[in-house]
Protein backbone atom coordinates (compact mmCIF):
# COMPACT_ATOMS: atom_id res chain seq x y z
CA UNK A 1 -53.66 -91.97 8.25
CA UNK A 2 -50.16 -93.29 7.84
CA UNK A 3 -47.70 -90.42 7.64
CA UNK A 4 -44.72 -90.38 5.09
CA UNK A 5 -42.11 -91.50 7.51
CA UNK A 6 -38.51 -89.94 7.60
CA UNK A 7 -36.04 -91.05 4.82
CA UNK A 8 -32.67 -91.39 5.72
CA UNK A 9 -33.52 -90.49 9.26
CA UNK A 10 -34.97 -86.98 7.86
CA UNK A 11 -38.03 -86.11 9.28
CA UNK A 12 -41.04 -85.42 6.78
CA UNK A 13 -43.88 -85.87 9.29
CA UNK A 14 -44.71 -87.70 12.36
CA UNK A 15 -44.15 -91.49 12.88
CA UNK A 16 -41.03 -93.75 13.00
CA UNK A 17 -38.06 -92.90 11.23
CA UNK A 18 -37.61 -95.32 8.30
CA UNK A 19 -33.93 -95.93 8.38
CA UNK A 20 -31.88 -96.51 5.08
CA UNK A 21 -31.61 -100.35 6.22
CA UNK A 22 -35.18 -100.62 6.37
CA UNK A 23 -36.14 -98.88 3.07
CA UNK A 24 -33.81 -101.45 1.39
CA UNK A 25 -35.06 -104.44 2.80
CA UNK A 26 -38.89 -103.37 2.06
CA UNK A 27 -37.82 -102.23 -1.58
CA UNK A 28 -35.64 -105.04 -2.58
CA UNK A 29 -38.55 -107.15 -4.06
CA UNK A 30 -39.47 -104.35 -6.26
CA UNK A 31 -35.92 -103.36 -7.13
CA UNK A 32 -35.42 -107.10 -8.25
CA UNK A 33 -38.47 -107.48 -10.08
CA UNK A 34 -37.58 -103.90 -11.74
CA UNK A 35 -33.84 -105.20 -12.76
CA UNK A 36 -35.15 -108.42 -14.27
CA UNK A 37 -37.72 -106.60 -16.36
CA UNK A 38 -35.36 -104.28 -17.55
CA UNK A 39 -32.96 -107.06 -18.48
CA UNK A 40 -35.58 -108.71 -20.14
CA UNK A 41 -36.60 -105.80 -22.26
CA UNK A 42 -32.76 -105.22 -22.92
CA UNK A 43 -32.52 -108.61 -23.98
CA UNK A 44 -35.53 -108.73 -26.50
CA UNK A 45 -34.38 -105.33 -27.98
CA UNK A 46 -31.28 -107.03 -28.99
CA UNK A 47 -32.80 -109.92 -30.28
CA UNK A 48 -35.00 -107.72 -32.47
CA UNK A 49 -32.10 -105.76 -33.76
CA UNK A 50 -30.12 -108.87 -34.24
CA UNK A 51 -32.87 -110.37 -36.25
CA UNK A 52 -33.23 -106.99 -38.07
CA UNK A 53 -29.60 -107.02 -39.20
CA UNK A 54 -29.63 -110.39 -40.08
CA UNK A 55 -32.45 -109.96 -42.51
CA UNK A 56 -31.30 -106.79 -43.95
CA UNK A 57 -29.65 -107.14 -47.46
CA UNK A 58 -26.79 -105.69 -48.79
CA UNK A 59 -27.18 -102.97 -51.79
CA UNK A 60 -26.85 -104.70 -55.06
CA UNK A 61 -24.92 -103.26 -57.56
CA UNK A 62 -27.57 -104.21 -60.08
CA UNK A 63 -30.24 -102.29 -58.20
CA UNK A 64 -28.50 -99.08 -58.86
CA UNK A 65 -29.53 -96.91 -61.89
CA UNK A 66 -27.79 -97.19 -65.05
CA UNK A 67 -29.16 -94.04 -66.42
CA UNK A 68 -28.82 -90.75 -64.93
CA UNK A 69 -31.05 -87.76 -66.75
CA UNK A 70 -31.63 -90.04 -69.92
CA UNK A 71 -28.12 -91.02 -70.55
CA UNK A 72 -26.93 -94.73 -70.40
CA UNK A 73 -23.58 -94.22 -68.53
CA UNK A 74 -22.49 -97.93 -69.67
CA UNK A 75 -23.39 -98.29 -73.30
CA UNK A 76 -23.20 -94.83 -74.71
CA UNK A 77 -21.58 -94.78 -77.97
CA UNK A 78 -19.14 -92.23 -76.65
CA UNK A 79 -17.30 -95.13 -75.22
CA UNK A 80 -16.70 -97.05 -78.33
CA UNK A 81 -13.00 -97.99 -78.34
CA UNK A 82 -12.53 -97.71 -74.74
CA UNK A 83 -10.97 -100.32 -72.51
CA UNK A 84 -13.46 -101.48 -69.69
CA UNK A 85 -12.25 -102.30 -65.91
CA UNK A 86 -9.18 -103.70 -64.59
CA UNK A 87 -8.66 -106.32 -67.35
CA UNK A 88 -8.96 -103.53 -69.91
CA UNK A 89 -6.28 -101.07 -67.89
CA UNK A 90 -3.88 -104.14 -67.94
CA UNK A 91 -4.60 -104.32 -71.90
CA UNK A 92 -4.16 -100.77 -72.58
CA UNK A 93 -0.96 -100.75 -70.20
CA UNK A 94 0.69 -103.47 -72.33
CA UNK A 95 -0.39 -101.47 -75.62
CA UNK A 96 0.83 -98.19 -73.89
CA UNK A 97 4.25 -99.77 -73.00
CA UNK A 98 4.72 -100.94 -76.94
CA UNK A 99 3.13 -97.86 -78.67
CA UNK A 100 4.16 -94.97 -76.10
CA UNK A 101 0.85 -93.61 -76.55
CA UNK A 102 -0.69 -91.27 -73.84
CA UNK A 103 -3.22 -93.34 -71.75
CA UNK A 104 -6.31 -91.71 -69.94
CA UNK A 105 -7.94 -93.61 -67.11
CA UNK A 106 -11.38 -92.33 -66.12
CA UNK A 107 -13.31 -93.52 -62.75
CA UNK A 108 -16.67 -92.87 -62.97
CA UNK A 109 -19.93 -94.64 -61.51
CA UNK A 110 -23.19 -95.14 -63.84
CA UNK A 111 -25.45 -93.37 -61.38
CA UNK A 112 -23.24 -90.51 -60.81
CA UNK A 113 -24.91 -87.12 -61.52
CA UNK A 114 -21.35 -85.25 -61.98
CA UNK A 115 -20.12 -88.25 -64.42
CA UNK A 116 -23.34 -87.53 -66.51
CA UNK A 117 -22.55 -84.03 -66.50
CA UNK A 118 -18.93 -84.39 -67.33
CA UNK A 119 -20.29 -87.03 -70.20
CA UNK A 120 -22.86 -84.48 -71.68
CA UNK A 121 -20.73 -81.47 -71.71
CA UNK A 122 -17.26 -83.09 -72.79
CA UNK A 123 -17.08 -86.79 -73.16
CA UNK A 124 -19.67 -87.25 -75.79
CA UNK A 125 -18.65 -83.89 -77.62
CA UNK A 126 -17.69 -84.73 -81.13
CA UNK A 127 -14.67 -82.40 -80.90
CA UNK A 128 -13.40 -84.16 -77.73
CA UNK A 129 -13.76 -87.38 -79.08
CA UNK A 130 -11.86 -86.63 -82.46
CA UNK A 131 -9.35 -84.97 -79.92
CA UNK A 132 -9.05 -88.37 -77.91
CA UNK A 133 -8.58 -90.50 -80.48
CA UNK A 134 -4.74 -90.62 -80.48
CA UNK A 135 -4.89 -91.66 -76.59
CA UNK A 136 -5.54 -95.07 -74.96
CA UNK A 137 -8.77 -94.78 -72.98
CA UNK A 138 -9.70 -96.82 -69.79
CA UNK A 139 -12.64 -96.09 -67.68
CA UNK A 140 -13.42 -98.12 -64.58
CA UNK A 141 -16.11 -98.45 -61.90
CA UNK A 142 -15.41 -99.59 -58.47
CA UNK A 143 -18.54 -101.10 -58.06
CA UNK A 144 -17.81 -103.64 -60.61
CA UNK A 145 -15.45 -105.67 -58.87
CA UNK A 146 -12.93 -105.92 -55.99
CA UNK A 147 -10.41 -105.65 -58.83
CA UNK A 148 -11.88 -102.17 -59.69
CA UNK A 149 -12.11 -101.15 -56.42
CA UNK A 150 -8.60 -101.91 -55.55
CA UNK A 151 -7.68 -100.08 -58.47
CA UNK A 152 -9.44 -96.93 -57.82
CA UNK A 153 -7.57 -96.83 -54.03
CA UNK A 154 -4.22 -97.31 -55.70
CA UNK A 155 -4.79 -94.46 -57.82
CA UNK A 156 -5.73 -92.43 -54.90
CA UNK A 157 -9.29 -91.60 -56.62
CA UNK A 158 -11.62 -90.15 -54.22
CA UNK A 159 -14.58 -89.79 -55.82
CA UNK A 160 -16.31 -89.29 -59.29
CA UNK A 161 -15.69 -88.39 -61.80
CA UNK A 162 -11.73 -88.60 -61.51
CA UNK A 163 -9.47 -88.76 -64.63
CA UNK A 164 -5.71 -89.60 -64.75
CA UNK A 165 -3.24 -89.39 -67.59
CA UNK A 166 -0.13 -90.44 -68.40
CA UNK A 167 1.98 -89.42 -71.29
CA UNK A 168 3.87 -91.54 -73.47
CA UNK A 169 7.48 -91.25 -72.04
CA UNK A 170 6.23 -90.56 -68.45
CA UNK A 171 6.64 -92.65 -65.47
CA UNK A 172 3.33 -91.81 -63.61
CA UNK A 173 -0.10 -91.05 -64.07
CA UNK A 174 -1.26 -87.28 -63.01
CA UNK A 175 -4.70 -86.22 -62.16
CA UNK A 176 -6.67 -84.36 -64.45
CA UNK A 177 -8.34 -81.08 -63.21
CA UNK A 178 -11.40 -81.04 -65.43
CA UNK A 179 -12.94 -77.92 -63.61
CA UNK A 180 -11.73 -74.08 -64.36
CA UNK A 181 -10.97 -71.63 -61.52
CA UNK A 182 -14.40 -70.98 -60.89
CA UNK A 183 -15.35 -74.75 -60.12
CA UNK A 184 -17.16 -74.99 -63.51
CA UNK A 185 -16.37 -77.87 -65.98
CA UNK A 186 -13.88 -76.87 -68.76
CA UNK A 187 -15.00 -75.89 -72.21
CA UNK A 188 -14.33 -78.59 -75.04
CA UNK A 189 -11.53 -76.52 -76.00
CA UNK A 190 -10.06 -76.12 -72.71
CA UNK A 191 -10.44 -79.70 -72.05
CA UNK A 192 -8.76 -80.54 -74.89
CA UNK A 193 -6.22 -78.18 -74.42
CA UNK A 194 -5.29 -79.26 -70.79
CA UNK A 195 -5.09 -83.20 -72.06
CA UNK A 196 -2.49 -82.25 -74.92
CA UNK A 197 -0.37 -80.07 -72.28
CA UNK A 198 -0.31 -82.98 -69.72
CA UNK A 199 0.26 -85.87 -72.42
CA UNK A 200 3.59 -84.11 -73.70
CA UNK A 201 5.23 -83.85 -70.19
């Protein structure tokens, strides 16, 4: 029976030592074949990944839900009289310039659960709706287009819901904190009071 020979000159048993040169020469075909197979598999894998990437479709905004907890975040009557999107914002700003009315900008998403909660507890509250009547109101969803996405970025809004207000004589928009110190949504009275205070400063 053949003995396992020495590797790198280190004896493992009887027989002639197998030097490094001999090992490399004898094992070279195996190494070449293994290298070719490995590269072939790598190339095949890359091809599969590329095909998967090419076939992947971007998420359509139309495929995202427009209702949360049964609330239609797009067409709810609580938003009657609101300006919509970037074009609406431009119209509201023109009116704001002439009328000096305070202006509110609300960034939301129709699929956002926090927005649904904000809507349900505050924006759809009859007392809040009445109190907000004197304000110019704009809401925008960054998923509606590039202009809305850019608008959200320029405001520095980093999530939903986010509310800003500009007083009639004010020079800048300021973020409205819609939560109390415990992290809970303000009460309707608390929200109305906060808007009123910020609209006068």
